N, C-alpha and C. Protein backbone atom coordinates (compact mmCIF):
# COMPACT_ATOMS: atom_id res chain seq x y z
N UNK A 1 -12.46 -0.93 -2.13
CA UNK A 1 -11.83 -0.20 -1.03
C UNK A 1 -12.15 1.29 -1.22
N UNK A 2 -12.81 1.90 -0.28
CA UNK A 2 -13.15 3.29 -0.37
C UNK A 2 -12.21 4.10 0.48
N UNK A 3 -11.49 4.99 -0.14
CA UNK A 3 -10.58 5.88 0.55
C UNK A 3 -11.00 7.31 0.22
N UNK A 4 -11.37 8.04 1.23
CA UNK A 4 -11.88 9.40 1.02
C UNK A 4 -10.79 10.45 1.06
N UNK A 5 -9.62 10.09 1.49
CA UNK A 5 -8.52 11.03 1.63
C UNK A 5 -7.61 10.95 0.40
N UNK A 6 -6.92 12.05 0.11
CA UNK A 6 -5.94 12.04 -0.97
C UNK A 6 -4.66 11.34 -0.53
N UNK A 7 -4.34 11.45 0.74
CA UNK A 7 -3.15 10.75 1.25
C UNK A 7 -3.58 9.82 2.38
N UNK A 8 -2.95 8.69 2.48
CA UNK A 8 -3.24 7.74 3.52
C UNK A 8 -2.02 6.90 3.80
N UNK A 9 -2.00 6.28 4.97
CA UNK A 9 -0.87 5.46 5.39
C UNK A 9 -1.19 3.99 5.17
N UNK A 10 -0.15 3.23 4.85
CA UNK A 10 -0.27 1.78 4.75
C UNK A 10 0.90 1.14 5.47
N UNK A 11 0.66 -0.07 5.96
CA UNK A 11 1.72 -0.92 6.52
C UNK A 11 1.66 -2.20 5.71
N UNK A 12 2.76 -2.53 5.03
CA UNK A 12 2.72 -3.71 4.16
C UNK A 12 3.48 -4.88 4.78
N UNK A 13 3.02 -6.06 4.39
CA UNK A 13 3.70 -7.29 4.75
C UNK A 13 4.11 -7.94 3.42
N UNK A 14 5.35 -7.76 2.99
CA UNK A 14 5.81 -8.34 1.72
C UNK A 14 6.00 -9.84 1.82
N UNK A 15 6.13 -10.47 0.66
CA UNK A 15 6.41 -11.91 0.57
C UNK A 15 5.26 -12.74 1.14
N UNK A 16 4.03 -12.28 0.95
CA UNK A 16 2.85 -13.00 1.41
C UNK A 16 2.33 -13.90 0.29
N UNK A 17 1.33 -14.71 0.61
CA UNK A 17 0.80 -15.62 -0.39
C UNK A 17 -0.16 -14.93 -1.35
N UNK A 18 -0.78 -13.81 -0.93
CA UNK A 18 -1.73 -13.12 -1.80
C UNK A 18 -1.56 -11.59 -1.61
N UNK A 19 -2.11 -10.83 -2.57
CA UNK A 19 -2.23 -9.39 -2.42
C UNK A 19 -3.62 -9.12 -1.87
N UNK A 20 -3.67 -8.54 -0.69
CA UNK A 20 -4.97 -8.24 -0.12
C UNK A 20 -4.89 -7.17 0.97
N UNK A 21 -5.99 -6.46 1.14
CA UNK A 21 -6.11 -5.50 2.24
C UNK A 21 -6.64 -6.30 3.43
N UNK A 22 -5.86 -6.37 4.49
CA UNK A 22 -6.21 -7.16 5.65
C UNK A 22 -7.17 -6.40 6.57
N UNK A 23 -6.97 -5.12 6.71
CA UNK A 23 -7.82 -4.34 7.59
C UNK A 23 -7.26 -2.95 7.80
N UNK A 24 -7.72 -2.31 8.87
CA UNK A 24 -7.28 -0.96 9.21
C UNK A 24 -6.85 -0.94 10.67
N UNK A 25 -5.65 -0.45 10.92
CA UNK A 25 -5.11 -0.34 12.27
C UNK A 25 -5.43 1.06 12.78
N UNK A 26 -6.33 1.18 13.74
CA UNK A 26 -6.76 2.48 14.25
C UNK A 26 -5.63 3.17 15.02
N UNK A 27 -4.80 2.41 15.71
CA UNK A 27 -3.68 3.02 16.46
C UNK A 27 -2.68 3.67 15.54
N UNK A 28 -2.33 2.98 14.47
CA UNK A 28 -1.38 3.52 13.49
C UNK A 28 -2.03 4.37 12.43
N UNK A 29 -3.36 4.35 12.37
CA UNK A 29 -4.13 5.05 11.36
C UNK A 29 -3.64 4.66 9.97
N UNK A 30 -3.52 3.35 9.75
CA UNK A 30 -2.96 2.85 8.49
C UNK A 30 -3.67 1.57 8.05
N UNK A 31 -3.77 1.40 6.75
CA UNK A 31 -4.32 0.16 6.16
C UNK A 31 -3.25 -0.92 6.22
N UNK A 32 -3.64 -2.12 6.60
CA UNK A 32 -2.70 -3.26 6.65
C UNK A 32 -2.88 -4.03 5.33
N UNK A 33 -1.78 -4.18 4.60
CA UNK A 33 -1.84 -4.77 3.26
C UNK A 33 -0.79 -5.85 3.11
N UNK A 34 -1.21 -7.01 2.58
CA UNK A 34 -0.28 -8.10 2.25
C UNK A 34 0.07 -7.97 0.76
N UNK A 35 1.34 -8.16 0.45
CA UNK A 35 1.84 -8.07 -0.93
C UNK A 35 2.66 -9.32 -1.22
N UNK A 36 2.44 -9.90 -2.42
CA UNK A 36 3.13 -11.13 -2.80
C UNK A 36 4.62 -10.93 -3.08
N UNK A 37 4.98 -9.77 -3.60
CA UNK A 37 6.37 -9.51 -4.03
C UNK A 37 7.33 -9.46 -2.87
N UNK A 38 8.58 -9.78 -3.18
CA UNK A 38 9.65 -9.75 -2.17
C UNK A 38 10.13 -8.31 -2.01
N UNK A 39 10.61 -7.97 -0.81
CA UNK A 39 11.10 -6.62 -0.56
C UNK A 39 12.54 -6.39 -1.04
N UNK A 40 12.77 -6.62 -2.31
CA UNK A 40 14.10 -6.44 -2.89
C UNK A 40 13.96 -5.80 -4.26
N UNK A 41 14.92 -4.95 -4.59
CA UNK A 41 14.95 -4.27 -5.89
C UNK A 41 13.65 -3.53 -6.19
N UNK A 42 12.99 -2.98 -5.17
CA UNK A 42 11.79 -2.17 -5.34
C UNK A 42 10.56 -2.98 -5.80
N UNK A 43 10.64 -4.30 -5.80
CA UNK A 43 9.56 -5.14 -6.30
C UNK A 43 8.29 -4.99 -5.47
N UNK A 44 8.41 -4.94 -4.16
CA UNK A 44 7.22 -4.82 -3.30
C UNK A 44 6.55 -3.47 -3.50
N UNK A 45 7.32 -2.40 -3.68
CA UNK A 45 6.75 -1.08 -3.92
C UNK A 45 5.97 -1.04 -5.23
N UNK A 46 6.53 -1.61 -6.27
CA UNK A 46 5.87 -1.64 -7.57
C UNK A 46 4.58 -2.45 -7.50
N UNK A 47 4.63 -3.58 -6.84
CA UNK A 47 3.43 -4.42 -6.68
C UNK A 47 2.37 -3.69 -5.85
N UNK A 48 2.81 -2.99 -4.82
CA UNK A 48 1.86 -2.22 -4.00
C UNK A 48 1.16 -1.15 -4.82
N UNK A 49 1.88 -0.43 -5.66
CA UNK A 49 1.28 0.61 -6.48
C UNK A 49 0.27 0.00 -7.46
N UNK A 50 0.63 -1.08 -8.10
CA UNK A 50 -0.29 -1.76 -9.03
C UNK A 50 -1.55 -2.23 -8.30
N UNK A 51 -1.37 -2.84 -7.15
CA UNK A 51 -2.49 -3.37 -6.38
C UNK A 51 -3.43 -2.25 -5.91
N UNK A 52 -2.86 -1.20 -5.32
CA UNK A 52 -3.71 -0.10 -4.84
C UNK A 52 -4.40 0.63 -5.98
N UNK A 53 -3.76 0.76 -7.12
CA UNK A 53 -4.40 1.38 -8.28
C UNK A 53 -5.61 0.58 -8.70
N UNK A 54 -5.45 -0.73 -8.73
CA UNK A 54 -6.54 -1.63 -9.11
C UNK A 54 -7.68 -1.57 -8.11
N UNK A 55 -7.36 -1.60 -6.84
CA UNK A 55 -8.37 -1.65 -5.77
C UNK A 55 -9.11 -0.31 -5.63
N UNK A 56 -8.40 0.80 -5.71
CA UNK A 56 -9.03 2.11 -5.51
C UNK A 56 -9.62 2.68 -6.81
N UNK A 57 -9.11 2.24 -7.94
CA UNK A 57 -9.57 2.82 -9.20
C UNK A 57 -8.94 4.18 -9.48
N UNK A 58 -7.89 4.52 -8.74
CA UNK A 58 -7.19 5.78 -8.90
C UNK A 58 -5.70 5.52 -9.12
N UNK A 59 -5.02 6.52 -9.65
CA UNK A 59 -3.57 6.43 -9.73
C UNK A 59 -3.00 6.70 -8.34
N UNK A 60 -1.99 5.98 -7.97
CA UNK A 60 -1.38 6.18 -6.67
C UNK A 60 0.15 6.30 -6.81
N UNK A 61 0.73 6.95 -5.82
CA UNK A 61 2.20 7.00 -5.76
C UNK A 61 2.62 7.01 -4.30
N UNK A 62 3.80 6.53 -4.06
CA UNK A 62 4.38 6.50 -2.72
C UNK A 62 5.05 7.84 -2.48
N UNK A 63 4.66 8.50 -1.39
CA UNK A 63 5.25 9.78 -1.04
C UNK A 63 6.48 9.59 -0.14
N UNK A 64 6.36 8.69 0.84
CA UNK A 64 7.47 8.43 1.74
C UNK A 64 7.43 6.97 2.20
N UNK A 65 8.55 6.50 2.69
CA UNK A 65 8.65 5.13 3.18
C UNK A 65 9.07 4.12 2.16
N UNK A 66 9.88 4.53 1.19
CA UNK A 66 10.30 3.63 0.12
C UNK A 66 11.03 2.38 0.63
N UNK A 67 11.75 2.51 1.72
CA UNK A 67 12.52 1.38 2.25
C UNK A 67 11.96 0.90 3.59
N UNK A 68 10.73 1.22 3.86
CA UNK A 68 10.10 0.89 5.13
C UNK A 68 8.79 0.12 4.87
N UNK A 69 8.32 -0.59 5.87
CA UNK A 69 7.01 -1.26 5.75
C UNK A 69 5.89 -0.24 5.90
N UNK A 70 6.16 0.87 6.57
CA UNK A 70 5.20 1.93 6.73
C UNK A 70 5.39 2.96 5.62
N UNK A 71 4.31 3.22 4.88
CA UNK A 71 4.40 4.12 3.73
C UNK A 71 3.28 5.14 3.75
N UNK A 72 3.54 6.29 3.15
CA UNK A 72 2.52 7.29 2.95
C UNK A 72 2.20 7.31 1.46
N UNK A 73 0.94 7.15 1.14
CA UNK A 73 0.46 7.00 -0.25
C UNK A 73 -0.38 8.21 -0.64
N UNK A 74 -0.25 8.64 -1.88
CA UNK A 74 -1.13 9.68 -2.42
C UNK A 74 -1.95 9.06 -3.55
N UNK A 75 -3.26 9.29 -3.49
CA UNK A 75 -4.17 8.82 -4.53
C UNK A 75 -4.72 10.03 -5.28
N UNK A 76 -4.75 9.94 -6.59
CA UNK A 76 -5.29 11.05 -7.40
C UNK A 76 -5.88 10.47 -8.68
N UNK A 77 -6.65 11.28 -9.40
CA UNK A 77 -7.32 10.79 -10.62
C UNK A 77 -6.43 10.89 -11.82
């Protein structure tokens, strides 16, 4: 997954069967991502950070949207 920006938007679907990037929504300007973890006790957020770090090869953190399906992510080295 190539991301040229330091910050980018994602829309997650928790409680899915796999962790995967489904595509890019041009209207929302956000990556669509499926996450296996359930949206409780911050599990989906933690899984999202691990998954994005692995896919991008960069450290990532959630800037906003901790309790929402729509999140703003920052990627850095």
